[in-house]
Protein backbone atom coordinates (compact mmCIF):
# COMPACT_ATOMS: atom_id res chain seq x y z
CA UNK A 1 110.17 92.63 143.04
CA UNK A 2 108.14 90.15 140.75
CA UNK A 3 105.64 92.85 139.49
CA UNK A 4 108.30 94.91 138.12
CA UNK A 5 109.87 91.88 136.59
CA UNK A 6 107.02 91.04 134.72
CA UNK A 7 106.47 94.72 133.58
CA UNK A 8 110.29 94.43 132.28
CA UNK A 9 109.36 91.39 130.56
CA UNK A 10 106.25 92.65 128.79
CA UNK A 11 108.21 95.34 127.80
CA UNK A 12 110.67 93.76 126.31
CA UNK A 13 108.63 91.49 124.51
CA UNK A 14 105.96 93.48 123.32
CA UNK A 15 109.40 95.55 122.38
CA UNK A 16 110.66 92.64 120.16
CA UNK A 17 107.20 91.87 118.49
CA UNK A 18 106.96 94.64 117.48
CA UNK A 19 110.45 95.12 115.28
CA UNK A 20 110.08 95.44 111.48
CA UNK A 21 110.11 92.19 109.38
CA UNK A 22 111.28 91.52 106.09
CA UNK A 23 108.31 89.77 104.26
CA UNK A 24 109.29 86.13 103.32
CA UNK A 25 109.50 85.75 99.68
CA UNK A 26 109.62 82.50 97.93
CA UNK A 27 111.13 81.89 94.12
CA UNK A 28 108.15 82.43 91.00
CA UNK A 29 109.23 82.08 87.32
CA UNK A 30 107.06 80.95 84.66
CA UNK A 31 106.54 81.77 80.66
CA UNK A 32 104.18 83.71 78.90
CA UNK A 33 102.84 82.10 75.48
CA UNK A 34 100.05 83.04 72.95
CA UNK A 35 97.12 80.21 72.47
CA UNK A 36 99.25 79.14 69.22
CA UNK A 37 102.08 78.18 71.89
CA UNK A 38 104.61 81.46 70.28
CA UNK A 39 106.30 82.98 73.21
CA UNK A 40 105.51 86.42 74.25
CA UNK A 41 109.02 88.06 74.12
CA UNK A 42 108.76 91.88 75.04
CA UNK A 43 106.65 92.93 78.87
CA UNK A 44 106.59 92.83 81.94
CA UNK A 45 104.77 90.44 84.46
CA UNK A 46 103.14 92.18 87.05
CA UNK A 47 101.85 90.14 89.88
CA UNK A 48 99.45 92.13 92.17
CA UNK A 49 98.96 90.46 95.95
CA UNK A 50 95.58 90.43 97.43
CA UNK A 51 96.13 92.43 100.06
CA UNK A 52 97.05 95.41 97.61
CA UNK A 53 100.72 96.07 99.75
CA UNK A 54 102.88 93.69 97.68
CA UNK A 55 103.56 94.06 94.14
CA UNK A 56 106.26 91.56 91.97
CA UNK A 57 107.25 92.28 88.88
CA UNK A 58 109.66 90.43 86.07
CA UNK A 59 110.51 91.23 82.68
CA UNK A 60 109.63 88.61 79.25
CA UNK A 61 112.93 87.48 77.94
CA UNK A 62 113.78 86.04 74.01
CA UNK A 63 111.48 82.85 74.79
CA UNK A 64 108.43 84.36 77.16
CA UNK A 65 110.21 83.41 80.42
CA UNK A 66 110.33 85.19 83.45
CA UNK A 67 111.18 85.67 87.35
CA UNK A 68 109.43 87.60 89.37
CA UNK A 69 111.19 89.94 91.84
CA UNK A 70 109.76 92.22 94.48
CA UNK A 71 111.45 95.47 95.00
CA UNK A 72 115.58 94.45 94.40
CA UNK A 73 114.83 91.01 95.74
CA UNK A 74 113.91 87.81 94.13
CA UNK A 75 110.75 86.50 94.69
CA UNK A 76 107.03 87.11 95.89
CA UNK A 77 105.07 86.69 99.10
CA UNK A 78 103.04 83.89 99.91
CA UNK A 79 99.25 84.44 98.95
CA UNK A 80 96.90 85.07 96.19
CA UNK A 81 97.88 87.69 93.39
CA UNK A 82 96.12 89.18 90.33
CA UNK A 83 98.31 88.99 87.43
CA UNK A 84 98.81 91.62 84.39
CA UNK A 85 101.11 91.20 81.39
CA UNK A 86 102.05 94.75 80.15
CA UNK A 87 103.52 95.09 76.47
CA UNK A 88 104.94 98.09 75.62
CA UNK A 89 106.51 98.19 72.05
CA UNK A 90 108.97 100.94 70.95
CA UNK A 91 109.61 100.93 67.01
CA UNK A 92 113.47 101.45 66.73
CA UNK A 93 114.85 104.96 66.00
CA UNK A 94 110.83 106.65 67.00
CA UNK A 95 110.23 108.71 69.09
CA UNK A 96 107.87 107.06 72.48
CA UNK A 97 105.26 109.30 71.50
CA UNK A 98 105.17 107.65 67.76
CA UNK A 99 105.98 103.99 68.80
CA UNK A 100 103.32 103.37 70.08
CA UNK A 101 101.04 103.92 66.45
CA UNK A 102 103.35 102.38 64.16
CA UNK A 103 104.25 99.32 66.35
CA UNK A 104 101.36 96.41 67.21
CA UNK A 105 100.72 94.84 70.42
CA UNK A 106 101.31 91.00 70.48
CA UNK A 107 98.99 90.29 73.62
CA UNK A 108 94.90 91.37 73.96
CA UNK A 109 94.91 94.72 75.54
CA UNK A 110 92.36 93.09 78.49
CA UNK A 111 95.70 91.69 80.10
CA UNK A 112 97.08 94.87 81.16
CA UNK A 113 94.48 95.58 83.62
CA UNK A 114 93.68 94.04 86.86
CA UNK A 115 89.78 94.27 86.07
CA UNK A 116 90.19 92.52 82.86
CA UNK A 117 93.03 90.42 82.79
CA UNK A 118 91.20 87.22 84.20
CA UNK A 119 95.07 85.82 85.15
CA UNK A 120 94.80 84.62 89.14
CA UNK A 121 97.97 82.58 90.44
CA UNK A 122 98.80 81.50 94.27
CA UNK A 123 102.35 81.74 95.69
CA UNK A 124 102.66 78.58 97.93
CA UNK A 125 105.95 77.77 100.67
CA UNK A 126 107.38 74.77 99.83
CA UNK A 127 106.15 74.82 96.17
CA UNK A 128 107.96 75.48 92.73
CA UNK A 129 105.64 78.24 91.54
CA UNK A 130 105.71 77.74 87.77
CA UNK A 131 103.58 80.05 85.98
CA UNK A 132 102.67 79.33 82.59
CA UNK A 133 100.38 82.17 81.25
CA UNK A 134 98.69 81.16 77.94
CA UNK A 135 97.32 84.31 76.62
CA UNK A 136 95.09 85.45 73.65
CA UNK A 137 96.49 87.43 70.84
CA UNK A 138 95.61 90.69 70.34
CA UNK A 139 92.79 91.72 68.01
CA UNK A 140 93.67 92.21 64.45
CA UNK A 141 92.26 95.32 62.58
CA UNK A 142 90.70 94.68 59.34
CA UNK A 143 92.12 96.71 56.42
CA UNK A 144 95.63 97.35 57.76
């Protein structure tokens, strides 16, 4: 009888521990500015978790501020992240394939790729998690 209870207990507790759980998300917000302190007002901040299994994103507002969301939920998982900033500017009224030729990026293109962004941040429990990112401006072309 004791053996049966033990086996039943193991099965029940094993089943409970295998139940899917939602990851704990912690609020993360911040601001993106150029090195001259002007805000970057268009684009998306994307944080890629060190596990590669979680990504949090936030859209920049008119003051360069953002709040990260994982899927439809506000916040990001605890851990280390590689951060990228993607900027897409479409000229008003122009088709998207023309817009990229008529509008100019404000930030350096290196920030759009995890391999070259050079931006790393952590999300800590019980912390404010305020990320202030200072980015180099896009290279200017002479003769334009």
